Amino acid sequence: MAFGKNSADQAKRKMAHEEQKKQIRERLRHIKHKILVMSGKGGVGKSSVAAYLAVSLAKRNYAVGLMDVDLHGPSIPRILGLTGVIQPGKNSKAIFPLKYLSNMEVVSIATLVKDRDAAMIWRGPLKGGVIRQFIADVEWNDLDYMIIDSPPGTGDEPLTVAQTIPDAKALIVTTPQELSLADVRKSINFCRQVHMEILGMVENMSGLQCPYCGKIIDVFKRHGGRLTAENEGLPLLATLPLIPEVVNKGDSGDMSLLDNCDHPVTQVFNTLVDKIVMLNAHGKVPIIESAV
């Protein structure tokens, strides 16, 4: 009897897995471009880059989804100032993503739990299952871009994305110093091993402007991202200065910097959007970005 029951359970699990794969394929068919924002090193501003990129694309009237797959340390809801909890969808298994803008939707593990300080003590298979559910069981609208914020490293989360979304492309974030670049090179090799196309690199925290004299202070050295991009044959798509205002806005969930067209952060992300759109359309950008 036990053997027969186990066989029946295995058959049910297999059927459920095949049904989920079918749902994932159908969801992805309605998403034109998928971009995985990743880095080998934590603390490089990867989530901020993902959030600012998603909002910048949405402000260009693209339909955008932002999927936060950093299950142990989700930052996207805080950066965006999202406080709501995801609601049930049209059927019992589905959920609706949170609306940030009329043309931008967000999903994060932090929007699924009431206590946002609760620790997610999960092993690999469970994490992979949650990420697949973020695609299969979320009622995403038709999207021009899905931006995926991945945790640092080359572990379960980016591997699940690579296996589940075979046409995803990587945007790799680094800071200029070698401590970060050493791990970023691992991310580049990860992408090449799993056959994920790399759009290019973004160098974050590239110089701090002194508020008193205006001199640029190279807090984390300089040009490391540029040199790595050149050595790896990748475009450096943007260099972002270290701006305390961005830190303060991130803590308070305020993205209003992007409303100011003259702000240097807005200008950098507008240029980054131009290049990403061009890469997706033509497969190349004209030149490597000069350092700030």
Protein backbone atom coordinates (compact mmCIF):
# COMPACT_ATOMS: atom_id res chain seq x y z
CA MET A 1 0.00 0.00 0.00
CA ALA A 2 2.79 2.44 0.94
CA PHE A 3 4.54 1.81 -2.37
CA GLY A 4 1.35 2.51 -4.32
CA LYS A 5 0.72 5.70 -2.34
CA ASN A 6 4.29 6.95 -2.94
CA SER A 7 3.96 6.29 -6.66
CA ALA A 8 0.68 8.22 -6.75
CA ASP A 9 2.25 11.13 -4.85
CA GLN A 10 5.20 11.20 -7.23
CA ALA A 11 2.84 11.26 -10.21
CA LYS A 12 0.90 14.17 -8.70
CA ARG A 13 4.11 16.11 -8.03
CA LYS A 14 5.28 15.49 -11.59
CA MET A 15 1.96 16.69 -12.99
CA ALA A 16 2.07 19.81 -10.81
CA HIS A 17 5.66 20.53 -11.91
CA GLU A 18 4.75 20.17 -15.59
CA GLU A 19 1.74 22.44 -15.12
CA GLN A 20 3.93 25.07 -13.46
CA LYS A 21 6.45 24.90 -16.32
CA LYS A 22 3.57 25.46 -18.74
CA GLN A 23 2.38 28.47 -16.74
CA ILE A 24 5.89 29.92 -16.64
CA ARG A 25 6.28 29.60 -20.41
CA GLU A 26 2.94 31.33 -20.91
CA ARG A 27 3.83 34.20 -18.53
CA LEU A 28 7.23 34.73 -20.11
CA ARG A 29 5.68 34.83 -23.57
CA HIS A 30 4.07 38.13 -22.54
CA ILE A 31 7.31 39.72 -21.29
CA LYS A 32 9.54 41.11 -24.04
CA HIS A 33 12.83 41.78 -22.25
CA LYS A 34 14.12 40.26 -19.01
CA ILE A 35 17.13 41.82 -17.26
CA LEU A 36 18.85 40.22 -14.26
CA VAL A 37 20.65 42.85 -12.16
CA MET A 38 23.40 40.97 -10.36
CA SER A 39 26.78 41.27 -8.68
CA GLY A 40 29.28 38.95 -7.11
CA LYS A 41 29.69 41.29 -4.14
CA GLY A 42 27.08 42.59 -1.70
CA GLY A 43 26.82 46.25 -0.76
CA VAL A 44 27.53 47.64 -4.23
CA GLY A 45 24.12 49.28 -4.66
CA LYS A 46 22.68 46.60 -6.90
CA SER A 47 19.10 46.94 -5.58
CA SER A 48 19.23 50.71 -5.96
CA VAL A 49 20.40 50.31 -9.57
CA ALA A 50 17.56 47.82 -10.21
CA ALA A 51 14.95 50.13 -8.67
CA TYR A 52 16.16 53.29 -10.42
CA LEU A 53 16.45 51.46 -13.74
CA ALA A 54 12.90 50.08 -13.44
CA VAL A 55 11.40 53.47 -12.57
CA SER A 56 13.42 55.20 -15.32
CA LEU A 57 12.07 52.72 -17.87
CA ALA A 58 8.53 53.22 -16.59
CA LYS A 59 8.91 57.00 -16.91
CA ARG A 60 9.67 56.38 -20.61
CA ASN A 61 6.19 54.79 -20.83
CA TYR A 62 7.44 51.21 -20.98
CA ALA A 63 5.39 48.59 -19.12
CA VAL A 64 7.74 47.38 -16.39
CA GLY A 65 7.78 44.60 -13.81
CA LEU A 66 10.29 44.60 -10.94
CA MET A 67 10.84 41.18 -9.38
CA ASP A 68 12.89 41.06 -6.19
CA VAL A 69 14.41 37.58 -5.84
CA ASP A 70 16.64 38.53 -2.91
CA LEU A 71 14.66 36.34 -0.54
CA HIS A 72 16.87 36.76 2.53
CA GLY A 73 17.43 40.52 2.28
CA PRO A 74 14.74 42.13 0.09
CA SER A 75 15.37 45.86 -0.33
CA ILE A 76 13.12 46.85 -3.24
CA PRO A 77 9.95 47.66 -1.24
CA ARG A 78 11.89 49.94 1.13
CA ILE A 79 13.70 51.75 -1.71
CA LEU A 80 10.38 52.35 -3.48
CA GLY A 81 8.45 53.17 -0.31
CA LEU A 82 5.99 50.29 -0.86
CA THR A 83 4.16 49.29 2.32
CA GLY A 84 1.24 47.22 1.03
CA VAL A 85 0.80 43.46 1.01
CA ILE A 86 0.16 41.53 -2.19
CA GLN A 87 -3.50 40.56 -2.70
CA PRO A 88 -5.03 37.32 -4.05
CA GLY A 89 -5.53 37.14 -7.81
CA LYS A 90 -8.47 36.04 -9.92
CA ASN A 91 -8.05 32.38 -9.04
CA SER A 92 -7.14 30.68 -5.78
CA LYS A 93 -3.46 30.14 -6.65
CA ALA A 94 -2.62 33.48 -8.27
CA ILE A 95 -1.67 36.81 -6.72
CA PHE A 96 -1.60 40.34 -8.06
CA PRO A 97 1.72 42.25 -8.03
CA LEU A 98 1.79 45.57 -6.21
CA LYS A 99 1.34 48.67 -8.34
CA TYR A 100 4.08 51.26 -7.98
CA LEU A 101 3.14 53.31 -11.03
CA SER A 102 0.26 52.80 -13.43
CA ASN A 103 2.69 51.00 -15.76
CA MET A 104 5.00 49.43 -13.17
CA GLU A 105 4.37 46.35 -11.01
CA VAL A 106 6.45 44.91 -8.16
CA VAL A 107 6.79 41.54 -6.44
CA SER A 108 9.02 40.86 -3.45
CA ILE A 109 8.96 38.37 -0.60
CA ALA A 110 8.68 41.42 1.68
CA THR A 111 5.27 42.17 0.14
CA LEU A 112 4.02 38.68 1.04
CA VAL A 113 4.69 38.78 4.79
CA LYS A 114 3.22 41.01 7.48
CA ASP A 115 6.40 41.14 9.58
CA ARG A 116 9.09 42.53 7.32
CA ASP A 117 11.75 41.89 9.96
CA ALA A 118 11.05 38.14 9.93
CA ALA A 119 14.01 36.00 8.84
CA MET A 120 13.55 33.72 5.83
CA ILE A 121 15.46 30.58 6.86
CA TRP A 122 15.19 28.67 3.60
CA ARG A 123 17.34 26.16 1.75
CA GLY A 124 17.96 26.08 -2.00
CA PRO A 125 15.03 23.98 -3.29
CA LEU A 126 12.50 26.12 -1.45
CA LYS A 127 14.06 29.32 -2.77
CA GLY A 128 13.96 28.02 -6.31
CA GLY A 129 10.30 27.12 -5.86
CA VAL A 130 9.42 30.62 -4.64
CA ILE A 131 11.15 32.26 -7.62
CA ARG A 132 9.29 30.02 -10.04
CA GLN A 133 6.04 30.92 -8.26
CA PHE A 134 6.89 34.62 -8.65
CA ILE A 135 6.57 34.01 -12.39
CA ALA A 136 3.92 31.31 -12.67
CA ASP A 137 1.52 32.44 -9.94
CA VAL A 138 1.73 36.23 -10.29
CA GLU A 139 -0.75 37.85 -12.66
CA TRP A 140 1.73 40.10 -14.43
CA ASN A 141 0.39 42.32 -17.16
CA ASP A 142 2.02 42.25 -20.59
CA LEU A 143 5.45 43.81 -19.99
CA ASP A 144 8.09 45.49 -22.11
CA TYR A 145 10.73 44.94 -19.41
CA MET A 146 11.07 42.75 -16.35
CA ILE A 147 13.91 43.86 -14.06
CA ILE A 148 15.03 41.12 -11.67
CA ASP A 149 16.95 42.12 -8.55
CA SER A 150 19.16 39.21 -7.51
CA PRO A 151 21.09 38.75 -4.25
CA PRO A 152 24.89 38.90 -4.43
CA GLY A 153 26.82 35.86 -5.56
CA THR A 154 26.27 33.02 -8.00
CA GLY A 155 24.06 30.73 -5.93
CA ASP A 156 20.51 29.42 -6.00
CA GLU A 157 18.68 32.61 -6.94
CA PRO A 158 20.58 33.68 -10.07
CA LEU A 159 20.92 30.03 -11.11
CA THR A 160 17.14 29.55 -10.82
CA VAL A 161 16.59 32.67 -12.91
CA ALA A 162 19.04 31.45 -15.56
CA GLN A 163 17.35 28.06 -15.74
CA THR A 164 13.77 29.35 -15.59
CA ILE A 165 14.15 32.40 -17.87
CA PRO A 166 16.54 31.23 -20.60
CA ASP A 167 16.42 34.53 -22.50
CA ALA A 168 17.24 36.70 -19.46
CA LYS A 169 20.21 39.05 -19.90
CA ALA A 170 22.55 40.21 -17.15
CA LEU A 171 23.45 43.71 -16.01
CA ILE A 172 26.41 43.44 -13.65
CA VAL A 173 26.96 46.06 -10.94
CA THR A 174 30.29 46.74 -9.26
CA THR A 175 32.18 49.34 -7.30
CA PRO A 176 35.66 50.41 -8.47
CA GLN A 177 37.83 48.61 -5.91
CA GLU A 178 39.45 45.24 -6.48
CA LEU A 179 37.66 43.65 -3.50
CA SER A 180 34.40 44.03 -5.43
CA LEU A 181 35.85 43.36 -8.87
CA ALA A 182 37.31 40.00 -7.83
CA ASP A 183 33.79 38.72 -7.12
CA VAL A 184 32.29 40.48 -10.12
CA ARG A 185 34.60 38.49 -12.39
CA LYS A 186 33.01 35.37 -10.89
CA SER A 187 29.59 36.74 -11.87
CA ILE A 188 30.83 37.29 -15.41
CA ASN A 189 32.11 33.72 -15.56
CA PHE A 190 28.83 32.46 -14.10
CA CYS A 191 26.90 34.13 -16.92
CA ARG A 192 29.20 32.61 -19.51
CA GLN A 193 28.90 29.13 -17.97
CA VAL A 194 25.07 29.23 -17.98
CA HIS A 195 25.01 30.92 -21.42
CA MET A 196 23.38 34.12 -20.17
CA GLU A 197 24.06 37.13 -22.37
CA ILE A 198 25.67 40.07 -20.53
CA LEU A 199 24.33 43.49 -21.50
CA GLY A 200 27.21 45.24 -19.77
CA MET A 201 28.48 46.62 -16.48
CA VAL A 202 27.57 49.52 -14.22
CA GLU A 203 30.19 51.05 -11.94
CA ASN A 204 28.51 52.42 -8.83
CA MET A 205 29.95 54.68 -6.09
CA SER A 206 32.46 56.05 -8.57
CA GLY A 207 33.76 59.10 -6.74
CA LEU A 208 32.26 61.40 -4.08
CA GLN A 209 32.05 65.13 -4.74
CA CYS A 210 33.20 67.13 -1.72
CA PRO A 211 30.26 69.37 -0.67
CA TYR A 212 32.70 72.16 0.33
CA CYS A 213 35.32 72.40 -2.42
CA GLY A 214 33.76 70.34 -5.23
CA LYS A 215 36.78 68.06 -5.56
CA ILE A 216 36.09 64.41 -6.47
CA ILE A 217 37.22 62.01 -3.73
CA ASP A 218 37.92 58.45 -4.93
CA VAL A 219 36.53 56.68 -1.87
CA PHE A 220 36.63 53.25 -3.54
CA LYS A 221 39.52 53.93 -5.94
CA ARG A 222 38.73 54.74 -9.58
CA HIS A 223 38.22 53.23 -13.04
CA GLY A 224 38.14 49.61 -11.78
CA GLY A 225 34.86 48.94 -13.52
CA ARG A 226 36.14 50.43 -16.77
CA LEU A 227 39.31 48.33 -16.75
CA THR A 228 37.41 45.14 -15.93
CA ALA A 229 34.86 45.84 -18.67
CA GLU A 230 37.66 46.39 -21.19
CA ASN A 231 39.50 43.24 -20.10
CA GLU A 232 36.32 41.16 -20.33
CA GLY A 233 35.21 42.65 -23.64
CA LEU A 234 32.06 44.16 -22.13
CA PRO A 235 30.59 47.64 -22.40
CA LEU A 236 30.65 49.85 -19.31
CA LEU A 237 27.14 51.23 -19.62
CA ALA A 238 27.22 53.75 -16.76
CA THR A 239 29.30 55.19 -13.95
CA LEU A 240 27.33 56.44 -10.96
CA PRO A 241 28.88 58.81 -8.44
CA LEU A 242 28.51 58.28 -4.70
CA ILE A 243 25.79 60.76 -3.71
CA PRO A 244 24.64 60.92 -0.04
CA GLU A 245 21.23 62.18 -1.19
CA VAL A 246 20.60 58.85 -2.95
CA VAL A 247 21.35 57.02 0.32
CA ASN A 248 18.92 59.21 2.27
CA LYS A 249 16.22 58.87 -0.38
CA GLY A 250 16.65 55.08 -0.37
CA ASP A 251 16.13 54.89 3.38
CA SER A 252 12.97 56.99 3.17
CA GLY A 253 11.52 55.24 0.10
CA ASP A 254 11.64 58.36 -2.05
CA MET A 255 12.38 58.11 -5.79
CA SER A 256 11.72 61.78 -6.50
CA LEU A 257 15.28 62.38 -7.73
CA LEU A 258 14.14 60.96 -11.05
CA ASP A 259 11.60 63.81 -11.36
CA ASN A 260 14.48 66.27 -11.68
CA CYS A 261 15.84 66.02 -15.24
CA ASP A 262 18.92 68.06 -14.28
CA HIS A 263 19.99 65.81 -11.41
CA PRO A 264 23.15 63.80 -12.23
CA VAL A 265 21.52 60.52 -11.15
CA THR A 266 18.58 61.12 -13.48
CA GLN A 267 20.91 61.96 -16.33
CA VAL A 268 22.98 58.80 -15.82
CA PHE A 269 19.90 56.56 -15.69
CA ASN A 270 18.36 58.22 -18.74
CA THR A 271 21.57 57.45 -20.62
CA LEU A 272 21.57 53.90 -19.24
CA VAL A 273 17.99 53.40 -20.45
CA ASP A 274 18.97 54.69 -23.90
CA LYS A 275 21.80 52.17 -24.07
CA ILE A 276 19.74 49.23 -22.81
CA VAL A 277 16.97 49.97 -25.31
CA MET A 278 19.62 50.18 -28.05
CA LEU A 279 21.24 46.92 -26.96
CA ASN A 280 17.93 45.09 -27.00
CA ALA A 281 17.09 46.54 -30.41
CA HIS A 282 20.47 46.34 -32.15
CA GLY A 283 22.79 44.31 -29.93
CA LYS A 284 25.37 47.07 -29.45
CA VAL A 285 26.03 50.51 -28.02
CA PRO A 286 28.23 53.15 -29.64
CA ILE A 287 30.95 53.65 -27.00
CA ILE A 288 31.99 52.70 -23.49
CA GLU A 289 30.80 55.20 -20.90
CA SER A 290 33.45 57.61 -19.65
CA ALA A 291 34.11 57.74 -15.93
CA VAL A 292 32.53 60.50 -13.85
